[in-house]
Structure formats: structure tokens, C-alpha cells
């Protein structure tokens, strides 16, 4: 999921990156999208640090959403809860601890 979300967001914001002379804000957005892609790849490879990066990535979106309209905050909070539930279950812990 984070690979798809990161790739979609990266493609969506990329034209903005090219239009601005020094797109600092868009650059940060693109770096967050790249982090999501890297996170997704390493989640599939079973890396422990990637699940914590995924949770931090989603928590960042919850905090960011707090400064916008309520539906975004609710949606991101639900996504964080769902991702947390999936990544912190005992079966997931065994999966991530099984890879060196």
C-alpha cells in the first residue's frame, strides 16, 4: 500500500517540482513520497525498521491533517489504526523478526 501511495503521490506532485525555481515545499513532499516507496519495498522484504518507518509515516500524516479539515484527520487516523493493527500483531512481529 505504501508503495502505491508513494508512487501515486510522487507522480502527482512531480510536475510542481519542475515548475518552481526552488520548490522547497514540494521537494519535502516528494521526499516523504520516496520514503513511503522505500518503506513499502522493505516491508515486503521483512525488515523490522520498515514497519516503524511505516507507522511514523502515517503518524506524520495524522499530525499534518490536524492542521486541515476534520475529515482528513479522521481518515488518516483510521489508516494509522489499521496499519498499526496489521504491523503490530504477533504474526507480523514473527514475520519481521524472522529476517536478518
N, C-alpha and C. Protein backbone atom coordinates (compact mmCIF):
# COMPACT_ATOMS: atom_id res chain seq x y z
N UNK A 1 0.82 -1.19 0.00
CA UNK A 1 0.00 0.00 0.00
C UNK A 1 0.86 1.26 0.00
N UNK A 2 1.94 1.24 0.79
CA UNK A 2 2.76 2.45 0.83
C UNK A 2 3.51 2.65 -0.47
N UNK A 3 3.81 1.56 -1.19
CA UNK A 3 4.46 1.71 -2.50
C UNK A 3 3.52 2.43 -3.45
N UNK A 4 2.28 1.99 -3.49
CA UNK A 4 1.29 2.61 -4.38
C UNK A 4 1.01 4.05 -3.99
N UNK A 5 0.85 4.30 -2.69
CA UNK A 5 0.59 5.67 -2.23
C UNK A 5 1.77 6.58 -2.52
N UNK A 6 2.97 6.08 -2.28
CA UNK A 6 4.16 6.89 -2.55
C UNK A 6 4.35 7.16 -4.03
N UNK A 7 4.17 6.14 -4.86
CA UNK A 7 4.34 6.31 -6.30
C UNK A 7 3.29 7.24 -6.89
N UNK A 8 2.05 7.09 -6.44
CA UNK A 8 0.98 7.96 -6.93
C UNK A 8 1.24 9.41 -6.53
N UNK A 9 1.59 9.62 -5.29
CA UNK A 9 1.87 10.98 -4.81
C UNK A 9 3.08 11.58 -5.49
N UNK A 10 4.09 10.77 -5.73
CA UNK A 10 5.30 11.23 -6.40
C UNK A 10 4.96 11.69 -7.82
N UNK A 11 4.21 10.89 -8.52
CA UNK A 11 3.81 11.25 -9.89
C UNK A 11 2.90 12.48 -9.90
N UNK A 12 2.01 12.57 -8.94
CA UNK A 12 1.07 13.70 -8.87
C UNK A 12 1.79 15.02 -8.65
N UNK A 13 2.76 15.03 -7.74
CA UNK A 13 3.44 16.28 -7.37
C UNK A 13 4.67 16.58 -8.22
N UNK A 14 5.12 15.64 -9.05
CA UNK A 14 6.34 15.84 -9.82
C UNK A 14 6.28 17.04 -10.76
N UNK A 15 5.17 17.29 -11.47
CA UNK A 15 5.13 18.49 -12.33
C UNK A 15 5.33 19.79 -11.55
N UNK A 16 4.85 19.84 -10.32
CA UNK A 16 5.05 21.04 -9.48
C UNK A 16 6.53 21.24 -9.17
N UNK A 17 7.24 20.14 -9.02
CA UNK A 17 8.67 20.20 -8.74
C UNK A 17 9.42 20.85 -9.91
N UNK A 18 8.96 20.59 -11.11
CA UNK A 18 9.62 21.13 -12.30
C UNK A 18 9.25 22.58 -12.59
N UNK A 19 8.09 23.02 -12.12
CA UNK A 19 7.61 24.37 -12.41
C UNK A 19 8.21 25.46 -11.55
N UNK A 20 8.67 25.13 -10.38
CA UNK A 20 9.13 26.15 -9.44
C UNK A 20 10.65 26.26 -9.47
N UNK A 21 11.18 27.49 -9.30
CA UNK A 21 12.63 27.66 -9.35
C UNK A 21 13.36 26.93 -8.22
N UNK A 22 12.86 27.02 -7.00
CA UNK A 22 13.42 26.29 -5.88
C UNK A 22 12.27 25.79 -5.03
N UNK A 23 11.72 24.65 -5.42
CA UNK A 23 10.49 24.14 -4.80
C UNK A 23 10.73 23.41 -3.48
N UNK A 24 11.11 24.16 -2.46
CA UNK A 24 11.44 23.54 -1.18
C UNK A 24 10.27 22.75 -0.61
N UNK A 25 9.07 23.33 -0.63
CA UNK A 25 7.91 22.63 -0.06
C UNK A 25 7.59 21.36 -0.84
N UNK A 26 7.60 21.46 -2.15
CA UNK A 26 7.30 20.29 -2.98
C UNK A 26 8.41 19.25 -2.84
N UNK A 27 9.63 19.72 -2.69
CA UNK A 27 10.74 18.79 -2.51
C UNK A 27 10.54 17.94 -1.26
N UNK A 28 10.09 18.56 -0.16
CA UNK A 28 9.81 17.81 1.05
C UNK A 28 8.69 16.80 0.84
N UNK A 29 7.67 17.21 0.10
CA UNK A 29 6.55 16.30 -0.20
C UNK A 29 7.07 15.09 -0.98
N UNK A 30 7.92 15.35 -1.96
CA UNK A 30 8.46 14.27 -2.77
C UNK A 30 9.36 13.34 -1.94
N UNK A 31 10.12 13.90 -1.02
CA UNK A 31 10.97 13.07 -0.17
C UNK A 31 10.13 12.16 0.73
N UNK A 32 9.01 12.68 1.22
CA UNK A 32 8.10 11.85 2.02
C UNK A 32 7.53 10.73 1.17
N UNK A 33 7.21 11.04 -0.09
CA UNK A 33 6.69 10.01 -1.01
C UNK A 33 7.76 8.96 -1.29
N UNK A 34 8.99 9.38 -1.47
CA UNK A 34 10.08 8.42 -1.68
C UNK A 34 10.26 7.54 -0.45
N UNK A 35 10.13 8.12 0.73
CA UNK A 35 10.23 7.34 1.97
C UNK A 35 9.13 6.29 2.02
N UNK A 36 7.95 6.62 1.54
CA UNK A 36 6.85 5.64 1.52
C UNK A 36 7.17 4.48 0.59
N UNK A 37 7.76 4.78 -0.56
CA UNK A 37 8.11 3.72 -1.51
C UNK A 37 9.19 2.82 -0.92
N UNK A 38 10.23 3.43 -0.36
CA UNK A 38 11.31 2.65 0.26
C UNK A 38 10.75 1.81 1.40
N UNK A 39 9.88 2.40 2.18
CA UNK A 39 9.26 1.70 3.30
C UNK A 39 8.49 0.47 2.79
N UNK A 40 7.69 0.65 1.76
CA UNK A 40 6.91 -0.46 1.21
C UNK A 40 7.77 -1.59 0.68
N UNK A 41 8.84 -1.23 -0.01
CA UNK A 41 9.76 -2.25 -0.55
C UNK A 41 10.37 -3.07 0.59
N UNK A 42 10.83 -2.38 1.62
CA UNK A 42 11.47 -3.09 2.72
C UNK A 42 10.47 -3.77 3.66
N UNK A 43 9.22 -3.33 3.66
CA UNK A 43 8.19 -4.08 4.38
C UNK A 43 8.02 -5.45 3.73
N UNK A 44 7.99 -5.46 2.40
CA UNK A 44 7.85 -6.73 1.68
C UNK A 44 9.05 -7.64 1.90
N UNK A 45 10.19 -7.03 2.15
CA UNK A 45 11.41 -7.82 2.40
C UNK A 45 11.55 -8.21 3.87
N UNK A 46 10.59 -7.79 4.70
CA UNK A 46 10.55 -8.21 6.09
C UNK A 46 11.50 -7.49 7.02
N UNK A 47 11.84 -6.28 6.71
CA UNK A 47 12.78 -5.53 7.55
C UNK A 47 12.03 -4.86 8.71
N UNK A 48 12.53 -5.09 9.90
CA UNK A 48 11.90 -4.57 11.13
C UNK A 48 11.78 -3.05 11.11
N UNK A 49 12.84 -2.36 10.71
CA UNK A 49 12.84 -0.89 10.73
C UNK A 49 11.77 -0.33 9.80
N UNK A 50 11.42 -1.07 8.75
CA UNK A 50 10.45 -0.57 7.77
C UNK A 50 9.05 -0.46 8.37
N UNK A 51 8.71 -1.36 9.27
CA UNK A 51 7.37 -1.25 9.87
C UNK A 51 7.29 -0.02 10.78
N UNK A 52 8.39 0.32 11.45
CA UNK A 52 8.38 1.52 12.28
C UNK A 52 8.37 2.77 11.42
N UNK A 53 9.05 2.71 10.29
CA UNK A 53 9.01 3.84 9.36
C UNK A 53 7.59 4.01 8.80
N UNK A 54 6.92 2.92 8.51
CA UNK A 54 5.54 2.99 8.01
C UNK A 54 4.62 3.63 9.05
N UNK A 55 4.78 3.24 10.30
CA UNK A 55 3.96 3.84 11.36
C UNK A 55 4.29 5.32 11.55
N UNK A 56 5.56 5.66 11.48
CA UNK A 56 5.96 7.07 11.60
C UNK A 56 5.44 7.88 10.42
N UNK A 57 5.48 7.31 9.24
CA UNK A 57 4.99 7.97 8.02
C UNK A 57 3.50 8.28 8.18
N UNK A 58 2.75 7.31 8.67
CA UNK A 58 1.31 7.53 8.83
C UNK A 58 1.03 8.48 9.98
N UNK A 59 1.78 8.40 11.07
CA UNK A 59 1.60 9.32 12.20
C UNK A 59 1.89 10.75 11.77
N UNK A 60 2.89 10.92 10.90
CA UNK A 60 3.20 12.24 10.34
C UNK A 60 1.98 12.80 9.62
N UNK A 61 1.30 11.94 8.86
CA UNK A 61 0.10 12.39 8.14
C UNK A 61 -1.04 12.76 9.09
N UNK A 62 -1.15 12.05 10.20
CA UNK A 62 -2.17 12.38 11.19
C UNK A 62 -1.90 13.77 11.77
N UNK A 63 -0.65 14.01 12.15
CA UNK A 63 -0.29 15.32 12.70
C UNK A 63 -0.52 16.41 11.67
N UNK A 64 -0.10 16.17 10.44
CA UNK A 64 -0.30 17.14 9.36
C UNK A 64 -1.79 17.41 9.13
N UNK A 65 -2.60 16.37 9.21
CA UNK A 65 -4.04 16.50 9.00
C UNK A 65 -4.72 17.29 10.10
N UNK A 66 -4.11 17.35 11.26
CA UNK A 66 -4.70 18.10 12.38
C UNK A 66 -4.79 19.59 12.06
N UNK A 67 -3.99 20.05 11.12
CA UNK A 67 -4.00 21.45 10.74
C UNK A 67 -4.93 21.74 9.56
N UNK A 68 -5.67 20.72 9.13
CA UNK A 68 -6.59 20.88 8.00
C UNK A 68 -8.00 20.51 8.45
N UNK A 69 -8.84 20.16 7.54
CA UNK A 69 -10.23 19.85 7.87
C UNK A 69 -10.36 18.51 8.57
N UNK A 70 -11.40 18.38 9.37
CA UNK A 70 -11.62 17.20 10.21
C UNK A 70 -11.72 15.88 9.43
N UNK A 71 -12.36 15.83 8.27
CA UNK A 71 -12.43 14.54 7.57
C UNK A 71 -11.06 13.94 7.24
N UNK A 72 -10.10 14.79 6.89
CA UNK A 72 -8.76 14.30 6.63
C UNK A 72 -8.10 13.73 7.87
N UNK A 73 -8.31 14.39 8.99
CA UNK A 73 -7.77 13.91 10.26
C UNK A 73 -8.37 12.56 10.62
N UNK A 74 -9.67 12.44 10.47
CA UNK A 74 -10.35 11.18 10.79
C UNK A 74 -9.85 10.07 9.86
N UNK A 75 -9.78 10.34 8.58
CA UNK A 75 -9.34 9.34 7.61
C UNK A 75 -7.91 8.88 7.90
N UNK A 76 -7.00 9.82 8.11
CA UNK A 76 -5.62 9.44 8.38
C UNK A 76 -5.50 8.71 9.72
N UNK A 77 -6.30 9.09 10.69
CA UNK A 77 -6.29 8.39 11.98
C UNK A 77 -6.76 6.95 11.82
N UNK A 78 -7.78 6.75 11.01
CA UNK A 78 -8.26 5.39 10.75
C UNK A 78 -7.21 4.56 10.02
N UNK A 79 -6.54 5.18 9.04
CA UNK A 79 -5.46 4.49 8.34
C UNK A 79 -4.34 4.12 9.29
N UNK A 80 -3.98 5.03 10.19
CA UNK A 80 -2.92 4.75 11.17
C UNK A 80 -3.33 3.59 12.06
N UNK A 81 -4.57 3.59 12.52
CA UNK A 81 -5.05 2.49 13.38
C UNK A 81 -5.01 1.16 12.62
N UNK A 82 -5.44 1.16 11.37
CA UNK A 82 -5.44 -0.08 10.58
C UNK A 82 -4.02 -0.57 10.30
N UNK A 83 -3.15 0.34 9.92
CA UNK A 83 -1.76 -0.04 9.64
C UNK A 83 -1.08 -0.52 10.92
N UNK A 84 -1.35 0.18 12.02
CA UNK A 84 -0.79 -0.25 13.30
C UNK A 84 -1.28 -1.63 13.69
N UNK A 85 -2.56 -1.88 13.49
CA UNK A 85 -3.11 -3.20 13.83
C UNK A 85 -2.44 -4.28 12.99
N UNK A 86 -2.27 -4.05 11.71
CA UNK A 86 -1.65 -5.04 10.83
C UNK A 86 -0.17 -5.26 11.18
N UNK A 87 0.55 -4.17 11.39
CA UNK A 87 2.00 -4.27 11.58
C UNK A 87 2.44 -4.65 12.99
N UNK A 88 1.54 -4.54 13.96
CA UNK A 88 1.94 -4.82 15.35
C UNK A 88 1.33 -6.11 15.91
N UNK A 89 0.64 -6.86 15.08
CA UNK A 89 0.10 -8.14 15.53
C UNK A 89 1.23 -9.14 15.79
N UNK A 90 0.99 -10.14 16.61
CA UNK A 90 2.04 -11.15 16.87
C UNK A 90 2.55 -11.84 15.59
N UNK A 91 1.67 -12.13 14.65
CA UNK A 91 2.10 -12.77 13.40
C UNK A 91 3.04 -11.85 12.62
N UNK A 92 2.76 -10.57 12.61
CA UNK A 92 3.63 -9.61 11.93
C UNK A 92 4.97 -9.51 12.64
N UNK A 93 4.94 -9.53 13.95
CA UNK A 93 6.20 -9.47 14.71
C UNK A 93 7.07 -10.68 14.38
N UNK A 94 6.47 -11.87 14.28
CA UNK A 94 7.23 -13.06 13.90
C UNK A 94 7.80 -12.91 12.49
N UNK A 95 7.00 -12.38 11.58
CA UNK A 95 7.46 -12.17 10.21
C UNK A 95 8.67 -11.24 10.16
N UNK A 96 8.59 -10.12 10.84
CA UNK A 96 9.67 -9.15 10.79
C UNK A 96 10.90 -9.60 11.57
N UNK A 97 10.72 -10.36 12.60
CA UNK A 97 11.87 -10.83 13.38
C UNK A 97 12.52 -12.05 12.73
N UNK A 98 11.84 -12.65 11.75
CA UNK A 98 12.38 -13.82 11.08
C UNK A 98 13.39 -13.50 10.01
N UNK A 99 13.55 -12.24 9.66
CA UNK A 99 14.51 -11.84 8.63
C UNK A 99 15.70 -11.13 9.29
N UNK A 100 16.91 -11.49 8.85
CA UNK A 100 18.09 -10.85 9.46
C UNK A 100 18.24 -9.40 9.04
